[in-house]
Amino acid sequence: MLITHCGIDDLQLEGQWYERVGGLLDDGSRNPPDGWDNPEQEGTVTRVDETTVVFTDDAGHSEEFVLREGATEPKDSCD
């Protein structure tokens, strides 16, 4: 599952935080783009290598994330 409420920006896997390659993906108003569920998108996170994971889902989305070394929380939070 991927949290999408404030756009697609980062995710947590096994206690480590990863950020989306290409930066924040949103609709320009900090909401997920059309075609994404809100507040979360069901899918699968697959480890590619030590520092890279990929989120995929049945809707055809595929987003790559890279490790944020030393991060202990999300990059940003919104209400």
PDB file of N, CA and C in Angstrom:
ATOM      1  N   MET A   1       0.833  -1.171   0.000  1.00  0.00           N
ATOM      2  CA  MET A   1       0.000   0.000   0.000  1.00  0.00           C
ATOM      3  C   MET A   1       0.887   1.248   0.000  1.00  0.00           C
ATOM      4  N   LEU A   2       0.450   2.270  -0.729  1.00  0.00           N
ATOM      5  CA  LEU A   2       1.180   3.525  -0.846  1.00  0.00           C
ATOM      6  C   LEU A   2       0.270   4.663  -0.388  1.00  0.00           C
ATOM      7  N   ILE A   3       0.744   5.487   0.542  1.00  0.00           N
ATOM      8  CA  ILE A   3      -0.022   6.644   0.995  1.00  0.00           C
ATOM      9  C   ILE A   3       0.005   7.694  -0.111  1.00  0.00           C
ATOM     10  N   THR A   4      -1.173   8.168  -0.510  1.00  0.00           N
ATOM     11  CA  THR A   4      -1.277   9.108  -1.628  1.00  0.00           C
ATOM     12  C   THR A   4      -1.949  10.419  -1.245  1.00  0.00           C
ATOM     13  N   HIS A   5      -2.408  10.547  -0.008  1.00  0.00           N
ATOM     14  CA  HIS A   5      -3.241  11.677   0.421  1.00  0.00           C
ATOM     15  C   HIS A   5      -2.644  13.038   0.070  1.00  0.00           C
ATOM     16  N   CYS A   6      -1.353  13.206   0.201  1.00  0.00           N
ATOM     17  CA  CYS A   6      -0.697  14.497  -0.087  1.00  0.00           C
ATOM     18  C   CYS A   6       0.133  14.423  -1.365  1.00  0.00           C
ATOM     19  N   GLY A   7      -0.248  13.528  -2.262  1.00  0.00           N
ATOM     20  CA  GLY A   7       0.542  13.273  -3.453  1.00  0.00           C
ATOM     21  C   GLY A   7       1.476  12.104  -3.204  1.00  0.00           C
ATOM     22  N   ILE A   8       2.143  11.658  -4.241  1.00  0.00           N
ATOM     23  CA  ILE A   8       3.055  10.524  -4.130  1.00  0.00           C
ATOM     24  C   ILE A   8       4.463  11.084  -4.021  1.00  0.00           C
ATOM     25  N   ASP A   9       5.064  10.919  -2.835  1.00  0.00           N
ATOM     26  CA  ASP A   9       6.363  11.533  -2.569  1.00  0.00           C
ATOM     27  C   ASP A   9       7.343  10.563  -1.932  1.00  0.00           C
ATOM     28  N   ASP A  10       6.884   9.814  -0.940  1.00  0.00           N
ATOM     29  CA  ASP A  10       7.780   8.866  -0.289  1.00  0.00           C
ATOM     30  C   ASP A  10       6.992   7.695   0.264  1.00  0.00           C
ATOM     31  N   LEU A  11       7.722   6.665   0.661  1.00  0.00           N
ATOM     32  CA  LEU A  11       7.096   5.492   1.262  1.00  0.00           C
ATOM     33  C   LEU A  11       8.058   4.868   2.257  1.00  0.00           C
ATOM     34  N   GLN A  12       7.483   4.062   3.147  1.00  0.00           N
ATOM     35  CA  GLN A  12       8.289   3.365   4.141  1.00  0.00           C
ATOM     36  C   GLN A  12       8.190   1.865   3.883  1.00  0.00           C
ATOM     37  N   LEU A  13       9.331   1.198   3.932  1.00  0.00           N
ATOM     38  CA  LEU A  13       9.397  -0.246   3.764  1.00  0.00           C
ATOM     39  C   LEU A  13      10.415  -0.787   4.747  1.00  0.00           C
ATOM     40  N   GLU A  14       9.977  -1.734   5.563  1.00  0.00           N
ATOM     41  CA  GLU A  14      10.867  -2.393   6.525  1.00  0.00           C
ATOM     42  C   GLU A  14      11.647  -1.386   7.365  1.00  0.00           C
ATOM     43  N   GLY A  15      10.956  -0.317   7.808  1.00  0.00           N
ATOM     44  CA  GLY A  15      11.561   0.670   8.695  1.00  0.00           C
ATOM     45  C   GLY A  15      12.445   1.699   8.019  1.00  0.00           C
ATOM     46  N   GLN A  16      12.552   1.651   6.693  1.00  0.00           N
ATOM     47  CA  GLN A  16      13.376   2.621   5.967  1.00  0.00           C
ATOM     48  C   GLN A  16      12.490   3.475   5.069  1.00  0.00           C
ATOM     49  N   TRP A  17      12.874   4.754   4.913  1.00  0.00           N
ATOM     50  CA  TRP A  17      12.122   5.695   4.084  1.00  0.00           C
ATOM     51  C   TRP A  17      12.776   5.845   2.711  1.00  0.00           C
ATOM     52  N   TYR A  18      11.931   5.887   1.688  1.00  0.00           N
ATOM     53  CA  TYR A  18      12.349   6.027   0.299  1.00  0.00           C
ATOM     54  C   TYR A  18      11.611   7.218  -0.311  1.00  0.00           C
ATOM     55  N   GLU A  19      12.286   7.944  -1.226  1.00  0.00           N
ATOM     56  CA  GLU A  19      11.635   9.062  -1.902  1.00  0.00           C
ATOM     57  C   GLU A  19      11.467   8.755  -3.382  1.00  0.00           C
ATOM     58  N   ARG A  20      10.389   9.292  -3.949  1.00  0.00           N
ATOM     59  CA  ARG A  20      10.066   9.034  -5.349  1.00  0.00           C
ATOM     60  C   ARG A  20      11.101   9.674  -6.267  1.00  0.00           C
ATOM     61  N   VAL A  21      11.580   8.899  -7.223  1.00  0.00           N
ATOM     62  CA  VAL A  21      12.475   9.423  -8.253  1.00  0.00           C
ATOM     63  C   VAL A  21      11.659  10.411  -9.092  1.00  0.00           C
ATOM     64  N   GLY A  22      12.160  11.624  -9.242  1.00  0.00           N
ATOM     65  CA  GLY A  22      11.429  12.648  -9.981  1.00  0.00           C
ATOM     66  C   GLY A  22      10.666  13.598  -9.087  1.00  0.00           C
ATOM     67  N   GLY A  23      10.696  13.352  -7.769  1.00  0.00           N
ATOM     68  CA  GLY A  23      10.030  14.256  -6.834  1.00  0.00           C
ATOM     69  C   GLY A  23       8.544  13.984  -6.690  1.00  0.00           C
ATOM     70  N   LEU A  24       7.870  14.927  -6.080  1.00  0.00           N
ATOM     71  CA  LEU A  24       6.446  14.806  -5.771  1.00  0.00           C
ATOM     72  C   LEU A  24       5.607  14.632  -7.037  1.00  0.00           C
ATOM     73  N   LEU A  25       4.717  13.644  -7.002  1.00  0.00           N
ATOM     74  CA  LEU A  25       3.741  13.425  -8.067  1.00  0.00           C
ATOM     75  C   LEU A  25       2.371  13.763  -7.494  1.00  0.00           C
ATOM     76  N   ASP A  26       1.770  14.858  -7.970  1.00  0.00           N
ATOM     77  CA  ASP A  26       0.456  15.263  -7.470  1.00  0.00           C
ATOM     78  C   ASP A  26      -0.320  15.986  -8.562  1.00  0.00           C
ATOM     79  N   ASP A  27      -1.495  16.498  -8.193  1.00  0.00           N
ATOM     80  CA  ASP A  27      -2.344  17.205  -9.156  1.00  0.00           C
ATOM     81  C   ASP A  27      -2.112  18.710  -9.152  1.00  0.00           C
ATOM     82  N   GLY A  28      -1.084  19.162  -8.453  1.00  0.00           N
ATOM     83  CA  GLY A  28      -0.802  20.581  -8.327  1.00  0.00           C
ATOM     84  C   GLY A  28      -1.379  21.190  -7.069  1.00  0.00           C
ATOM     85  N   SER A  29      -2.218  20.421  -6.367  1.00  0.00           N
ATOM     86  CA  SER A  29      -2.839  20.888  -5.124  1.00  0.00           C
ATOM     87  C   SER A  29      -2.572  19.939  -3.969  1.00  0.00           C
ATOM     88  N   ARG A  30      -1.488  19.177  -4.069  1.00  0.00           N
ATOM     89  CA  ARG A  30      -1.091  18.217  -3.033  1.00  0.00           C
ATOM     90  C   ARG A  30      -2.088  17.070  -2.858  1.00  0.00           C
ATOM     91  N   ASN A  31      -2.795  16.729  -3.929  1.00  0.00           N
ATOM     92  CA  ASN A  31      -3.656  15.556  -3.968  1.00  0.00           C
ATOM     93  C   ASN A  31      -3.064  14.589  -4.979  1.00  0.00           C
ATOM     94  N   PRO A  32      -3.428  13.303  -4.895  1.00  0.00           N
ATOM     95  CA  PRO A  32      -2.922  12.376  -5.904  1.00  0.00           C
ATOM     96  C   PRO A  32      -3.461  12.741  -7.285  1.00  0.00           C
ATOM     97  N   PRO A  33      -2.707  12.450  -8.329  1.00  0.00           N
ATOM     98  CA  PRO A  33      -3.183  12.726  -9.691  1.00  0.00           C
ATOM     99  C   PRO A  33      -4.399  11.867 -10.034  1.00  0.00           C
ATOM    100  N   ASP A  34      -5.100  12.243 -11.099  1.00  0.00           N
ATOM    101  CA  ASP A  34      -6.209  11.424 -11.595  1.00  0.00           C
ATOM    102  C   ASP A  34      -5.729   9.995 -11.807  1.00  0.00           C
ATOM    103  N   GLY A  35      -6.584   9.058 -11.455  1.00  0.00           N
ATOM    104  CA  GLY A  35      -6.258   7.649 -11.627  1.00  0.00           C
ATOM    105  C   GLY A  35      -5.670   6.997 -10.393  1.00  0.00           C
ATOM    106  N   TRP A  36      -5.376   7.799  -9.375  1.00  0.00           N
ATOM    107  CA  TRP A  36      -4.851   7.284  -8.111  1.00  0.00           C
ATOM    108  C   TRP A  36      -5.924   7.400  -7.037  1.00  0.00           C
ATOM    109  N   ASP A  37      -6.005   6.404  -6.153  1.00  0.00           N
ATOM    110  CA  ASP A  37      -6.931   6.456  -5.025  1.00  0.00           C
ATOM    111  C   ASP A  37      -6.407   7.406  -3.957  1.00  0.00           C
ATOM    112  N   ASN A  38      -7.309   7.901  -3.133  1.00  0.00           N
ATOM    113  CA  ASN A  38      -6.970   8.794  -2.029  1.00  0.00           C
ATOM    114  C   ASN A  38      -7.727   8.308  -0.805  1.00  0.00           C
ATOM    115  N   PRO A  39      -7.102   7.975   0.292  1.00  0.00           N
ATOM    116  CA  PRO A  39      -5.790   8.405   0.763  1.00  0.00           C
ATOM    117  C   PRO A  39      -4.666   7.393   0.535  1.00  0.00           C
ATOM    118  N   GLU A  40      -4.976   6.243  -0.081  1.00  0.00           N
ATOM    119  CA  GLU A  40      -3.930   5.241  -0.288  1.00  0.00           C
ATOM    120  C   GLU A  40      -4.242   4.427  -1.529  1.00  0.00           C
ATOM    121  N   GLN A  41      -3.190   3.853  -2.091  1.00  0.00           N
ATOM    122  CA  GLN A  41      -3.313   3.036  -3.299  1.00  0.00           C
ATOM    123  C   GLN A  41      -2.824   1.630  -2.971  1.00  0.00           C
ATOM    124  N   GLU A  42      -3.679   0.655  -3.214  1.00  0.00           N
ATOM    125  CA  GLU A  42      -3.273  -0.736  -3.019  1.00  0.00           C
ATOM    126  C   GLU A  42      -2.294  -1.129  -4.117  1.00  0.00           C
ATOM    127  N   GLY A  43      -1.278  -1.875  -3.755  1.00  0.00           N
ATOM    128  CA  GLY A  43      -0.301  -2.324  -4.730  1.00  0.00           C
ATOM    129  C   GLY A  43       0.810  -3.097  -4.060  1.00  0.00           C
ATOM    130  N   THR A  44       1.894  -3.263  -4.781  1.00  0.00           N
ATOM    131  CA  THR A  44       3.024  -4.058  -4.324  1.00  0.00           C
ATOM    132  C   THR A  44       4.300  -3.236  -4.404  1.00  0.00           C
ATOM    133  N   VAL A  45       5.115  -3.335  -3.359  1.00  0.00           N
ATOM    134  CA  VAL A  45       6.434  -2.701  -3.362  1.00  0.00           C
ATOM    135  C   VAL A  45       7.466  -3.814  -3.502  1.00  0.00           C
ATOM    136  N   THR A  46       8.309  -3.694  -4.515  1.00  0.00           N
ATOM    137  CA  THR A  46       9.324  -4.703  -4.807  1.00  0.00           C
ATOM    138  C   THR A  46      10.707  -4.085  -4.683  1.00  0.00           C
ATOM    139  N   ARG A  47      11.576  -4.765  -3.957  1.00  0.00           N
ATOM    140  CA  ARG A  47      12.954  -4.295  -3.825  1.00  0.00           C
ATOM    141  C   ARG A  47      13.724  -4.640  -5.100  1.00  0.00           C
ATOM    142  N   VAL A  48      14.343  -3.621  -5.706  1.00  0.00           N
ATOM    143  CA  VAL A  48      15.135  -3.809  -6.921  1.00  0.00           C
ATOM    144  C   VAL A  48      16.586  -4.086  -6.552  1.00  0.00           C
ATOM    145  N   ASP A  49      17.101  -3.297  -5.619  1.00  0.00           N
ATOM    146  CA  ASP A  49      18.452  -3.489  -5.101  1.00  0.00           C
ATOM    147  C   ASP A  49      18.501  -2.895  -3.695  1.00  0.00           C
ATOM    148  N   GLU A  50      19.681  -2.714  -3.155  1.00  0.00           N
ATOM    149  CA  GLU A  50      19.850  -2.256  -1.777  1.00  0.00           C
ATOM    150  C   GLU A  50      19.219  -0.898  -1.500  1.00  0.00           C
ATOM    151  N   THR A  51      19.126  -0.037  -2.504  1.00  0.00           N
ATOM    152  CA  THR A  51      18.643   1.328  -2.281  1.00  0.00           C
ATOM    153  C   THR A  51      17.440   1.719  -3.136  1.00  0.00           C
ATOM    154  N   THR A  52      16.892   0.784  -3.894  1.00  0.00           N
ATOM    155  CA  THR A  52      15.804   1.109  -4.814  1.00  0.00           C
ATOM    156  C   THR A  52      14.639   0.144  -4.650  1.00  0.00           C
ATOM    157  N   VAL A  53      13.409   0.699  -4.619  1.00  0.00           N
ATOM    158  CA  VAL A  53      12.194  -0.102  -4.616  1.00  0.00           C
ATOM    159  C   VAL A  53      11.258   0.451  -5.684  1.00  0.00           C
ATOM    160  N   VAL A  54      10.335  -0.395  -6.137  1.00  0.00           N
ATOM    161  CA  VAL A  54       9.358   0.020  -7.140  1.00  0.00           C
ATOM    162  C   VAL A  54       7.966  -0.343  -6.636  1.00  0.00           C
ATOM    163  N   PHE A  55       7.050   0.629  -6.717  1.00  0.00           N
ATOM    164  CA  PHE A  55       5.644   0.401  -6.400  1.00  0.00           C
ATOM    165  C   PHE A  55       4.897   0.150  -7.702  1.00  0.00           C
ATOM    166  N   THR A  56       4.108  -0.927  -7.753  1.00  0.00           N
ATOM    167  CA  THR A  56       3.257  -1.215  -8.904  1.00  0.00           C
ATOM    168  C   THR A  56       1.864  -1.580  -8.406  1.00  0.00           C
ATOM    169  N   ASP A  57       0.877  -1.409  -9.278  1.00  0.00           N
ATOM    170  CA  ASP A  57      -0.489  -1.765  -8.905  1.00  0.00           C
ATOM    171  C   ASP A  57      -1.251  -2.286 -10.121  1.00  0.00           C
ATOM    172  N   ASP A  58      -2.473  -2.739  -9.879  1.00  0.00           N
ATOM    173  CA  ASP A  58      -3.304  -3.299 -10.949  1.00  0.00           C
ATOM    174  C   ASP A  58      -3.797  -2.243 -11.933  1.00  0.00           C
ATOM    175  N   ALA A  59      -3.692  -0.953 -11.572  1.00  0.00           N
ATOM    176  CA  ALA A  59      -4.107   0.134 -12.467  1.00  0.00           C
ATOM    177  C   ALA A  59      -3.023   0.466 -13.493  1.00  0.00           C
ATOM    178  N   GLY A  60      -1.845  -0.156 -13.357  1.00  0.00           N
ATOM    179  CA  GLY A  60      -0.758   0.077 -14.304  1.00  0.00           C
ATOM    180  C   GLY A  60       0.274   1.090 -13.856  1.00  0.00           C
ATOM    181  N   HIS A  61       0.118   1.613 -12.640  1.00  0.00           N
ATOM    182  CA  HIS A  61       1.114   2.553 -12.125  1.00  0.00           C
ATOM    183  C   HIS A  61       2.414   1.824 -11.798  1.00  0.00           C
ATOM    184  N   SER A  62       3.523   2.500 -12.030  1.00  0.00           N
ATOM    185  CA  SER A  62       4.845   1.992 -11.660  1.00  0.00           C
ATOM    186  C   SER A  62       5.704   3.191 -11.289  1.00  0.00           C
ATOM    187  N   GLU A  63       6.084   3.271 -10.018  1.00  0.00           N
ATOM    188  CA  GLU A  63       6.866   4.399  -9.519  1.00  0.00           C
ATOM    189  C   GLU A  63       8.101   3.883  -8.797  1.00  0.00           C
ATOM    190  N   GLU A  64       9.237   4.481  -9.104  1.00  0.00           N
ATOM    191  CA  GLU A  64      10.514   4.088  -8.505  1.00  0.00           C
ATOM    192  C   GLU A  64      10.850   5.021  -7.345  1.00  0.00           C
ATOM    193  N   PHE A  65      11.373   4.442  -6.273  1.00  0.00           N
ATOM    194  CA  PHE A  65      11.757   5.175  -5.076  1.00  0.00           C
ATOM    195  C   PHE A  65      13.178   4.791  -4.685  1.00  0.00           C
ATOM    196  N   VAL A  66      13.938   5.765  -4.177  1.00  0.00           N
ATOM    197  CA  VAL A  66      15.303   5.503  -3.717  1.00  0.00           C
ATOM    198  C   VAL A  66      15.408   5.796  -2.224  1.00  0.00           C
ATOM    199  N   LEU A  67      16.305   5.089  -1.576  1.00  0.00           N
ATOM    200  CA  LEU A  67      16.492   5.176  -0.132  1.00  0.00           C
ATOM    201  C   LEU A  67      16.883   6.581   0.304  1.00  0.00           C
ATOM    202  N   ARG A  68      16.276   7.050   1.380  1.00  0.00           N
ATOM    203  CA  ARG A  68      16.664   8.300   2.039  1.00  0.00           C
ATOM    204  C   ARG A  68      17.488   7.902   3.260  1.00  0.00           C
ATOM    205  N   GLU A  69      18.780   7.827   3.097  1.00  0.00           N
ATOM    206  CA  GLU A  69      19.691   7.393   4.165  1.00  0.00           C
ATOM    207  C   GLU A  69      19.444   8.171   5.452  1.00  0.00           C
ATOM    208  N   GLY A  70      19.256   7.457   6.561  1.00  0.00           N
ATOM    209  CA  GLY A  70      19.123   8.069   7.872  1.00  0.00           C
ATOM    210  C   GLY A  70      17.768   8.673   8.177  1.00  0.00           C
ATOM    211  N   ALA A  71      16.838   8.662   7.235  1.00  0.00           N
ATOM    212  CA  ALA A  71      15.515   9.257   7.461  1.00  0.00           C
ATOM    213  C   ALA A  71      14.738   8.444   8.490  1.00  0.00           C
ATOM    214  N   THR A  72      14.032   9.141   9.368  1.00  0.00           N
ATOM    215  CA  THR A  72      13.239   8.483  10.399  1.00  0.00           C
ATOM    216  C   THR A  72      11.762   8.829  10.311  1.00  0.00           C
ATOM    217  N   GLU A  73      11.400   9.674   9.355  1.00  0.00           N
ATOM    218  CA  GLU A  73      10.006  10.074   9.186  1.00  0.00           C
ATOM    219  C   GLU A  73       9.787  10.548   7.750  1.00  0.00           C
ATOM    220  N   PRO A  74       8.522  10.764   7.363  1.00  0.00           N
ATOM    221  CA  PRO A  74       8.263  11.249   6.001  1.00  0.00           C
ATOM    222  C   PRO A  74       8.924  12.593   5.742  1.00  0.00           C
ATOM    223  N   LYS A  75       9.152  12.901   4.466  1.00  0.00           N
ATOM    224  CA  LYS A  75       9.757  14.179   4.092  1.00  0.00           C
ATOM    225  C   LYS A  75       8.883  15.346   4.517  1.00  0.00           C
ATOM    226  N   ASP A  76       7.577  15.201   4.379  1.00  0.00           N
ATOM    227  CA  ASP A  76       6.635  16.282   4.645  1.00  0.00           C
ATOM    228  C   ASP A  76       5.340  15.651   5.130  1.00  0.00           C
ATOM    229  N   SER A  77       4.563  16.409   5.850  1.00  0.00           N
ATOM    230  CA  SER A  77       3.248  15.921   6.246  1.00  0.00           C
ATOM    231  C   SER A  77       2.230  17.006   5.946  1.00  0.00           C
ATOM    232  N   CYS A  78       1.036  16.589   5.633  1.00  0.00           N
ATOM    233  CA  CYS A  78      -0.042  17.547   5.406  1.00  0.00           C
ATOM    234  C   CYS A  78      -1.293  17.005   6.077  1.00  0.00           C
ATOM    235  N   ASP A  79      -2.263  17.843   6.225  1.00  0.00           N
ATOM    236  CA  ASP A  79      -3.510  17.427   6.888  1.00  0.00           C
ATOM    237  C   ASP A  79      -4.572  17.060   5.893  1.00  0.00           C
TER     238      ASP A  79
END
